[in-house]
């Protein structure tokens, strides 16, 4: 299926590869996604993907999960990419060239994503490629791009497995604009550390979706850190995919009644299954944080009910209330174009929009769409700016300039608010214990 459209400042040491840079100060490079002048001579064209100096549209190829198990993220990325392209084209394009998106549906299948990128590069000869909406597709798709010499800017491949892949290490063509997942829970661990003696003796459960590249790494690292603080684990098992397996794991956790639940969730259905089982068992943790799901806006609140969403915590590098002028503008445009409320905006929208912003800045800085030049520029050590904040890429392509936050649904379950880091001026007071469950547990 083809779619075309023109157009953590922590007090506790955190030892993953990127955490030391979480509070990095952004450096302006003076280039914007939708403006700037080209230094190339008009009227001379070269091969697609290796650079062009004509006024022909800039074609960008993407494979997204518009259907299938990962479609919620795919649709959000589709919206984010389109919002960015419309903004750019409304402003006159990039160096006078309009942006044209070529979007193929991979039906949430990694093999189809590989086929799609082979088509986009080998048949469609797009100028640039943007990343898919799932880490399962990102690593194999990046390998296709690497073989063709393409830069691969993406927003949903922050898992260690993506950066540790041989192609990423050898070719250096992958650039993830979002927060590395291993660092997501750093502010939460720092908060528990701030409790001092109260943390010692607390109990915690660490259920994880089995073999999930986004869910497992942050939970395993957080468990190690919390153990060192004196928090006693009562459950740390992985469960297979599916609501029934999640419900069985939740029932075991509920019997243990831990103070803290750190859930390595793959999305809304997993979290909803845990919440339903906890209601059935009349168990309410003091702190319940899930790595994915509660950040999905209306998709989450409609699944669990606003009253039950209240007090749920989720880590991340962006949320709809993020105090950033570019982000605020994007959120307003999203609401105008797609409806709903700001709190309904899926973070995938911001991740995709950020991919476009980074690509735009790279094109303006290098004077065109030469992929080799773009790769070199993105490895130059400059901090670029996006709706998610700073982006400073490591040699592996991880974003060392990203900041980590924890967000929480308010007492009425109608607004997602920043609560950590506690010393951040934009954070409000964290709610603990989690408010009582609402309604029945049907």
Protein backbone atom coordinates (compact mmCIF):
# COMPACT_ATOMS: atom_id res chain seq x y z
CA UNK A 1 0.00 0.00 0.00
CA UNK A 2 1.49 3.34 -1.08
CA UNK A 3 0.71 6.81 0.15
CA UNK A 4 2.23 9.91 -1.40
CA UNK A 5 1.85 13.47 -0.23
CA UNK A 6 3.68 16.59 -1.35
CA UNK A 7 4.69 18.49 0.49
CA UNK A 8 17.85 14.08 33.86
CA UNK A 9 19.72 16.18 36.22
CA UNK A 10 20.18 13.22 38.62
CA UNK A 11 21.77 13.02 42.02
CA UNK A 12 22.07 9.24 41.74
CA UNK A 13 24.80 7.90 39.42
CA UNK A 14 23.27 6.35 36.32
CA UNK A 15 25.69 4.17 34.45
CA UNK A 16 24.26 3.58 31.00
CA UNK A 17 26.22 4.91 28.05
CA UNK A 18 24.18 8.09 27.62
CA UNK A 19 22.97 9.25 31.00
CA UNK A 20 25.86 11.57 31.71
CA UNK A 21 24.64 13.71 28.84
CA UNK A 22 20.95 13.78 29.73
CA UNK A 23 21.15 17.34 30.98
CA UNK A 24 23.44 18.59 28.23
CA UNK A 25 23.09 22.24 27.26
CA UNK A 26 21.94 22.61 23.66
CA UNK A 27 24.15 24.53 21.23
CA UNK A 28 22.48 26.42 18.41
CA UNK A 29 23.75 25.67 14.92
CA UNK A 30 21.75 28.41 13.23
CA UNK A 31 19.89 26.24 10.74
CA UNK A 32 16.17 25.54 10.57
CA UNK A 33 14.22 22.74 8.97
CA UNK A 34 12.26 24.83 6.52
CA UNK A 35 14.54 27.66 5.47
CA UNK A 36 18.01 28.49 4.30
CA UNK A 37 19.81 29.06 1.04
CA UNK A 38 21.47 26.45 -1.14
CA UNK A 39 25.08 26.91 -2.17
CA UNK A 40 24.64 24.62 -5.19
CA UNK A 41 24.27 25.70 -8.80
CA UNK A 42 20.72 25.57 -10.17
CA UNK A 43 19.74 23.27 -13.00
CA UNK A 44 22.29 20.49 -12.46
CA UNK A 45 20.96 17.13 -11.25
CA UNK A 46 22.77 14.08 -9.92
CA UNK A 47 21.56 10.57 -9.04
CA UNK A 48 18.70 10.24 -6.52
CA UNK A 49 19.97 9.56 -3.02
CA UNK A 50 23.45 10.93 -3.74
CA UNK A 51 22.52 14.60 -3.97
CA UNK A 52 20.56 16.90 -6.25
CA UNK A 53 20.63 20.57 -7.11
CA UNK A 54 17.40 20.89 -9.10
CA UNK A 55 14.14 22.37 -7.83
CA UNK A 56 12.46 18.99 -8.12
CA UNK A 57 10.68 17.81 -4.95
CA UNK A 58 12.73 16.15 -2.24
CA UNK A 59 11.38 12.61 -2.08
CA UNK A 60 11.50 10.87 1.31
CA UNK A 61 10.69 7.18 1.67
CA UNK A 62 9.17 5.65 4.80
CA UNK A 63 7.76 2.28 5.82
CA UNK A 64 5.14 2.47 8.58
CA UNK A 65 2.93 0.01 10.44
CA UNK A 66 -0.39 1.48 9.33
CA UNK A 67 -2.14 -1.84 9.98
CA UNK A 68 -1.41 -4.82 12.22
CA UNK A 69 -0.35 -5.14 15.84
CA UNK A 70 1.77 -1.96 15.87
CA UNK A 71 -0.65 0.25 13.96
CA UNK A 72 -1.22 2.75 16.81
CA UNK A 73 2.40 3.81 16.60
CA UNK A 74 2.40 3.68 12.81
CA UNK A 75 -0.59 5.98 12.53
CA UNK A 76 0.98 8.43 15.00
CA UNK A 77 4.20 8.47 12.97
CA UNK A 78 2.22 8.99 9.78
CA UNK A 79 0.56 12.02 11.36
CA UNK A 80 3.88 13.40 12.62
CA UNK A 81 5.66 13.05 9.30
CA UNK A 82 2.76 14.67 7.47
CA UNK A 83 2.55 17.57 9.93
CA UNK A 84 6.25 18.25 9.43
CA UNK A 85 6.02 18.07 5.63
CA UNK A 86 3.02 20.40 5.55
CA UNK A 87 4.83 22.91 7.77
CA UNK A 88 7.91 22.81 5.57
CA UNK A 89 5.99 23.07 2.32
CA UNK A 90 3.81 25.91 3.62
CA UNK A 91 7.04 27.80 4.36
CA UNK A 92 8.36 27.42 0.83
CA UNK A 93 10.04 24.04 1.18
CA UNK A 94 13.66 23.27 1.96
CA UNK A 95 16.00 25.46 -0.08
CA UNK A 96 13.06 26.19 -2.37
CA UNK A 97 12.18 22.51 -2.87
CA UNK A 98 8.92 20.96 -1.73
CA UNK A 99 8.95 17.74 0.29
CA UNK A 100 7.15 14.68 -1.10
CA UNK A 101 6.54 11.72 1.23
CA UNK A 102 6.36 8.19 -0.17
CA UNK A 103 4.85 6.03 2.59
CA UNK A 104 4.48 2.25 2.32
CA UNK A 105 2.56 0.05 4.77
CA UNK A 106 4.53 -2.83 6.31
CA UNK A 107 1.54 -4.27 8.21
CA UNK A 108 3.69 -4.44 11.38
CA UNK A 109 5.93 -7.08 9.75
CA UNK A 110 9.76 -6.60 9.84
CA UNK A 111 10.18 -8.62 6.63
CA UNK A 112 7.75 -6.37 4.79
CA UNK A 113 9.58 -3.31 6.09
CA UNK A 114 12.80 -4.65 4.52
CA UNK A 115 10.97 -5.21 1.23
CA UNK A 116 9.53 -1.70 1.40
CA UNK A 117 12.89 0.00 1.90
CA UNK A 118 14.39 -2.04 -0.93
CA UNK A 119 11.55 -0.77 -3.12
CA UNK A 120 11.86 2.83 -1.94
CA UNK A 121 15.60 2.90 -2.60
CA UNK A 122 16.01 0.53 -5.54
CA UNK A 123 12.82 1.21 -7.50
CA UNK A 124 11.50 4.60 -6.39
CA UNK A 125 15.01 6.08 -5.98
CA UNK A 126 13.92 8.36 -3.13
CA UNK A 127 16.39 11.04 -2.04
CA UNK A 128 16.23 10.18 1.66
CA UNK A 129 14.78 7.55 3.97
CA UNK A 130 13.14 8.08 7.35
CA UNK A 131 12.76 5.33 9.96
CA UNK A 132 9.71 3.18 10.70
CA UNK A 133 7.50 3.31 13.77
CA UNK A 134 8.79 0.23 15.62
CA UNK A 135 12.24 -0.97 16.78
CA UNK A 136 11.49 -4.42 15.37
CA UNK A 137 11.51 -2.87 11.91
CA UNK A 138 14.26 -0.32 12.52
CA UNK A 139 17.35 -2.55 12.74
CA UNK A 140 16.71 -4.60 9.58
CA UNK A 141 15.52 -1.54 7.67
CA UNK A 142 18.63 0.40 8.67
CA UNK A 143 20.75 -2.38 7.17
CA UNK A 144 19.02 -1.89 3.82
CA UNK A 145 19.73 1.82 3.97
CA UNK A 146 23.35 1.21 4.97
CA UNK A 147 24.01 -1.02 1.99
CA UNK A 148 22.77 1.76 -0.30
CA UNK A 149 24.74 4.49 1.50
CA UNK A 150 21.66 6.23 2.89
CA UNK A 151 21.44 8.11 6.18
CA UNK A 152 18.72 6.55 8.36
CA UNK A 153 17.15 9.11 10.70
CA UNK A 154 14.54 7.52 12.95
CA UNK A 155 12.54 8.12 16.10
CA UNK A 156 11.39 4.72 17.36
CA UNK A 157 14.58 2.69 17.43
CA UNK A 158 16.11 3.69 20.75
CA UNK A 159 16.67 0.11 21.90
CA UNK A 160 20.23 -1.11 22.56
CA UNK A 161 19.67 -3.86 19.99
CA UNK A 162 19.43 -1.23 17.26
CA UNK A 163 22.71 0.48 18.15
CA UNK A 164 24.54 -2.76 18.85
CA UNK A 165 23.67 -4.18 15.43
CA UNK A 166 26.70 -4.78 13.22
CA UNK A 167 25.41 -2.46 10.51
CA UNK A 168 24.94 0.42 12.95
CA UNK A 169 28.44 0.05 14.37
CA UNK A 170 30.14 -0.44 11.00
CA UNK A 171 28.26 2.07 8.84
CA UNK A 172 27.27 4.76 11.33
CA UNK A 173 24.19 5.64 9.28
CA UNK A 174 21.56 5.31 12.05
CA UNK A 175 20.49 8.41 13.99
CA UNK A 176 17.75 8.13 16.62
CA UNK A 177 16.23 11.49 17.57
CA UNK A 178 14.56 10.21 20.75
CA UNK A 179 15.64 9.34 24.29
CA UNK A 180 17.58 6.03 24.47
CA UNK A 181 15.23 3.57 26.16
CA UNK A 182 17.83 2.32 28.65
CA UNK A 183 17.82 5.77 30.28
CA UNK A 184 14.06 6.26 30.50
CA UNK A 185 13.70 5.30 34.16
CA UNK A 186 16.64 7.36 35.45
CA UNK A 187 14.42 10.11 36.97
CA UNK A 188 12.24 7.49 38.69
CA UNK A 189 15.24 5.78 40.29
CA UNK A 190 16.56 9.18 41.36
CA UNK A 191 13.21 9.93 43.00
CA UNK A 192 13.29 6.65 44.97
CA UNK A 193 16.87 7.47 46.01
CA UNK A 194 15.66 10.85 47.32
CA UNK A 195 13.40 9.00 49.79
CA UNK A 196 16.53 7.96 51.70
CA UNK A 197 15.84 5.53 54.52
CA UNK A 198 12.19 5.21 53.45
CA UNK A 199 13.33 3.47 50.26
CA UNK A 200 15.11 0.72 52.18
CA UNK A 201 12.69 -2.09 52.85
CA UNK A 202 10.23 -1.08 50.11
CA UNK A 203 9.16 -3.93 47.86
CA UNK A 204 8.89 -3.86 44.08
CA UNK A 205 7.75 -6.02 41.17
CA UNK A 206 9.43 -5.92 37.75
CA UNK A 207 7.22 -7.80 35.26
CA UNK A 208 8.44 -7.53 31.65
CA UNK A 209 7.12 -8.38 28.21
CA UNK A 210 9.41 -11.17 27.02
CA UNK A 211 12.17 -10.24 24.58
CA UNK A 212 10.81 -6.78 23.94
CA UNK A 213 13.69 -4.47 22.88
CA UNK A 214 11.95 -1.38 24.27
CA UNK A 215 10.37 -2.81 27.43
CA UNK A 216 13.11 -4.96 28.93
CA UNK A 217 16.32 -2.84 29.01
CA UNK A 218 15.03 0.08 31.14
CA UNK A 219 13.27 -2.25 33.60
CA UNK A 220 16.30 -4.50 34.09
CA UNK A 221 18.57 -1.51 34.65
CA UNK A 222 16.11 0.10 37.06
CA UNK A 223 15.87 -3.14 39.05
CA UNK A 224 19.64 -3.20 39.47
CA UNK A 225 19.67 0.41 40.67
CA UNK A 226 16.73 -0.04 43.04
CA UNK A 227 18.24 -3.18 44.57
CA UNK A 228 21.31 -1.10 45.39
CA UNK A 229 19.06 1.36 47.23
CA UNK A 230 17.64 -1.40 49.44
CA UNK A 231 14.40 -1.96 47.53
CA UNK A 232 13.50 -5.66 47.71
CA UNK A 233 12.24 -7.31 44.49
CA UNK A 234 9.34 -9.74 44.96
CA UNK A 235 8.80 -10.52 41.26
CA UNK A 236 11.04 -10.05 38.22
CA UNK A 237 9.79 -12.42 35.54
CA UNK A 238 9.10 -12.01 31.84
CA UNK A 239 5.73 -12.94 30.36
CA UNK A 240 4.88 -13.80 26.77
CA UNK A 241 2.94 -11.45 24.53
CA UNK A 242 -0.82 -11.19 24.87
CA UNK A 243 -3.37 -9.92 27.43
CA UNK A 244 -3.96 -13.40 28.92
CA UNK A 245 -0.27 -13.88 29.76
CA UNK A 246 -0.11 -10.35 31.12
CA UNK A 247 -3.17 -11.03 33.30
CA UNK A 248 -1.57 -14.17 34.75
CA UNK A 249 1.60 -12.24 35.61
CA UNK A 250 -0.49 -9.44 37.11
CA UNK A 251 -2.33 -11.90 39.36
CA UNK A 252 0.98 -13.14 40.78
CA UNK A 253 2.18 -9.57 41.36
CA UNK A 254 -1.09 -8.67 43.08
CA UNK A 255 -0.69 -11.55 45.54
CA UNK A 256 2.70 -10.14 46.57
CA UNK A 257 1.29 -6.61 47.15
CA UNK A 258 4.55 -4.75 46.37
CA UNK A 259 4.85 -1.04 47.07
CA UNK A 260 6.14 -0.36 43.56
CA UNK A 261 5.33 -1.89 40.18
CA UNK A 262 7.72 -1.19 37.30
CA UNK A 263 6.05 -2.70 34.26
CA UNK A 264 7.99 -3.45 31.09
CA UNK A 265 4.97 -3.00 28.87
CA UNK A 266 4.73 -3.18 25.09
CA UNK A 267 1.71 -0.89 24.85
CA UNK A 268 -1.82 -0.10 26.02
CA UNK A 269 -3.23 -3.69 25.98
CA UNK A 270 -0.49 -4.92 28.34
CA UNK A 271 -1.02 -2.10 30.83
CA UNK A 272 -4.80 -2.43 30.62
CA UNK A 273 -4.56 -6.15 31.41
CA UNK A 274 -2.45 -5.46 34.50
CA UNK A 275 -4.76 -2.69 35.68
CA UNK A 276 -7.86 -4.85 35.24
CA UNK A 277 -6.33 -7.73 37.20
CA UNK A 278 -5.17 -5.39 39.97
CA UNK A 279 -8.73 -4.04 40.29
CA UNK A 280 -10.11 -7.56 40.46
CA UNK A 281 -7.64 -8.47 43.19
CA UNK A 282 -8.28 -5.18 45.04
CA UNK A 283 -4.59 -4.38 44.94
CA UNK A 284 -3.36 -0.82 44.51
CA UNK A 285 0.39 -0.10 44.40
CA UNK A 286 1.80 3.05 45.91
CA UNK A 287 3.65 3.73 42.66
CA UNK A 288 2.79 2.14 39.31
CA UNK A 289 5.02 3.05 36.36
CA UNK A 290 4.78 1.44 32.93
CA UNK A 291 7.38 2.08 30.24
CA UNK A 292 4.79 2.26 27.43
CA UNK A 293 1.04 2.65 27.29
CA UNK A 294 0.10 5.49 29.66
CA UNK A 295 1.81 7.89 27.24
CA UNK A 296 -0.62 7.04 24.43
CA UNK A 297 -3.11 9.82 25.16
CA UNK A 298 -6.74 9.05 24.37
CA UNK A 299 -5.84 5.51 23.26
CA UNK A 300 -4.89 4.83 26.89
CA UNK A 301 -7.65 6.70 28.73
CA UNK A 302 -10.38 5.28 26.50
CA UNK A 303 -9.11 1.75 27.16
CA UNK A 304 -8.83 1.97 30.95
CA UNK A 305 -11.10 4.89 31.84
CA UNK A 306 -9.97 8.29 33.06
CA UNK A 307 -10.65 7.40 36.69
CA UNK A 308 -8.30 4.43 36.50
CA UNK A 309 -5.66 6.34 34.55
CA UNK A 310 -5.30 8.68 37.52
CA UNK A 311 -1.88 8.39 39.14
CA UNK A 312 -0.37 6.17 36.44
CA UNK A 313 3.28 7.00 35.73
CA UNK A 314 5.19 6.71 32.47
CA UNK A 315 8.73 7.73 31.48
CA UNK A 316 9.65 9.52 28.30
CA UNK A 317 11.44 12.34 26.56
CA UNK A 318 8.33 14.27 25.49
CA UNK A 319 4.68 14.85 26.39
CA UNK A 320 1.98 17.18 25.00
CA UNK A 321 2.54 19.79 27.74
CA UNK A 322 6.30 20.04 27.10
CA UNK A 323 7.40 23.66 27.49
CA UNK A 324 8.98 24.19 24.08
CA UNK A 325 7.73 26.76 21.57
CA UNK A 326 8.12 24.44 18.58
CA UNK A 327 6.37 21.62 20.43
CA UNK A 328 3.50 23.85 21.47
CA UNK A 329 3.04 24.95 17.85
CA UNK A 330 3.08 21.35 16.64
CA UNK A 331 0.51 20.27 19.26
CA UNK A 332 -1.79 23.15 18.27
CA UNK A 333 -1.50 22.15 14.61
CA UNK A 334 -2.22 18.53 15.48
CA UNK A 335 -5.40 19.45 17.38
CA UNK A 336 -6.49 21.70 14.52
CA UNK A 337 -5.86 19.03 11.91
CA UNK A 338 -6.80 15.82 13.72
CA UNK A 339 -9.09 16.98 16.54
CA UNK A 340 -9.09 15.96 20.20
CA UNK A 341 -7.22 17.64 23.04
CA UNK A 342 -3.50 18.27 23.54
CA UNK A 343 -3.42 15.43 26.11
CA UNK A 344 -4.53 13.05 23.34
CA UNK A 345 -1.39 13.49 21.22
CA UNK A 346 0.61 10.28 20.90
CA UNK A 347 4.37 10.76 21.46
CA UNK A 348 4.98 9.06 18.13
CA UNK A 349 3.77 12.27 16.50
CA UNK A 350 6.59 14.24 18.15
CA UNK A 351 9.15 11.52 17.40
CA UNK A 352 8.31 11.55 13.70
CA UNK A 353 8.15 15.34 13.55
CA UNK A 354 11.62 15.45 15.15
CA UNK A 355 13.00 13.13 12.48
CA UNK A 356 11.89 15.60 9.85
CA UNK A 357 13.38 18.54 11.75
CA UNK A 358 16.77 16.86 12.01
CA UNK A 359 16.75 15.95 8.33
CA UNK A 360 15.76 19.48 7.39
CA UNK A 361 18.58 21.01 9.43
CA UNK A 362 21.05 18.55 7.91
CA UNK A 363 19.93 19.32 4.37
CA UNK A 364 20.22 23.07 4.89
CA UNK A 365 23.65 22.71 6.53
CA UNK A 366 25.01 20.49 3.74
CA UNK A 367 23.28 22.24 0.86
CA UNK A 368 21.26 19.33 -0.44
CA UNK A 369 20.35 15.65 -0.12
CA UNK A 370 23.77 14.06 -0.41
CA UNK A 371 23.51 11.20 2.07
CA UNK A 372 27.26 10.92 2.72
CA UNK A 373 27.38 14.63 3.58
CA UNK A 374 24.32 14.33 5.83
CA UNK A 375 25.86 11.38 7.71
CA UNK A 376 29.10 13.32 8.22
CA UNK A 377 27.21 16.40 9.43
CA UNK A 378 25.13 14.44 11.94
CA UNK A 379 28.34 12.95 13.36
CA UNK A 380 29.94 16.41 13.69
CA UNK A 381 29.14 16.85 17.39
CA UNK A 382 26.65 19.70 17.04
CA UNK A 383 23.48 19.76 19.14
CA UNK A 384 20.43 20.26 16.94
CA UNK A 385 16.94 21.22 18.10
CA UNK A 386 13.61 19.43 17.79
CA UNK A 387 10.17 19.53 19.37
CA UNK A 388 11.57 16.96 21.84
CA UNK A 389 14.53 19.17 22.78
CA UNK A 390 18.20 18.66 21.97
CA UNK A 391 19.70 16.01 19.68
CA UNK A 392 23.41 15.23 19.95
CA UNK A 393 24.38 11.98 18.26
CA UNK A 394 26.96 9.53 19.56
CA UNK A 395 29.17 7.49 17.24
CA UNK A 396 26.47 4.78 17.36
CA UNK A 397 23.70 7.28 16.60
CA UNK A 398 22.12 7.47 20.05
CA UNK A 399 20.80 10.84 21.16
CA UNK A 400 23.13 11.95 23.95
CA UNK A 401 21.37 15.31 24.13
CA UNK A 402 17.95 13.97 25.09
CA UNK A 403 16.45 14.69 28.50
CA UNK A 404 14.56 12.08 30.55
CA UNK A 405 11.30 12.83 32.35
CA UNK A 406 8.51 10.97 34.14
CA UNK A 407 4.89 11.94 33.56
CA UNK A 408 1.76 11.16 35.57
CA UNK A 409 -1.95 11.32 34.89
CA UNK A 410 -3.57 13.78 37.32
CA UNK A 411 -6.16 12.86 39.97
CA UNK A 412 -9.02 13.03 37.49
CA UNK A 413 -7.19 11.18 34.73
CA UNK A 414 -7.75 14.06 32.31
CA UNK A 415 -4.26 15.49 31.97
CA UNK A 416 -0.76 14.03 31.71
CA UNK A 417 1.68 16.12 33.75
CA UNK A 418 5.44 16.21 34.22
CA UNK A 419 6.36 15.12 37.77
CA UNK A 420 10.08 14.18 37.53
CA UNK A 421 12.82 15.29 37.83
CA UNK A 422 11.45 16.84 41.00
CA UNK A 423 13.87 19.77 40.81
CA UNK A 424 12.75 20.74 37.31
CA UNK A 425 10.71 23.94 37.38
CA UNK A 426 8.10 22.44 35.06
CA UNK A 427 7.40 19.45 37.32
CA UNK A 428 4.37 19.27 39.60
CA UNK A 429 4.14 17.22 42.81
CA UNK A 430 4.00 13.47 42.26
CA UNK A 431 0.83 11.70 43.45
CA UNK A 432 1.42 8.75 45.79
CA UNK A 433 -0.21 6.41 46.54
CA UNK A 434 -2.01 5.85 43.27
CA UNK A 435 -5.68 6.93 43.58
CA UNK A 436 -8.28 4.21 44.13
CA UNK A 437 -9.52 2.22 41.16
CA UNK A 438 -12.71 3.53 39.60
CA UNK A 439 -15.73 1.54 38.42
CA UNK A 440 -16.04 -2.18 38.04
CA UNK A 441 -13.36 -4.58 36.87
CA UNK A 442 -15.30 -6.01 33.90
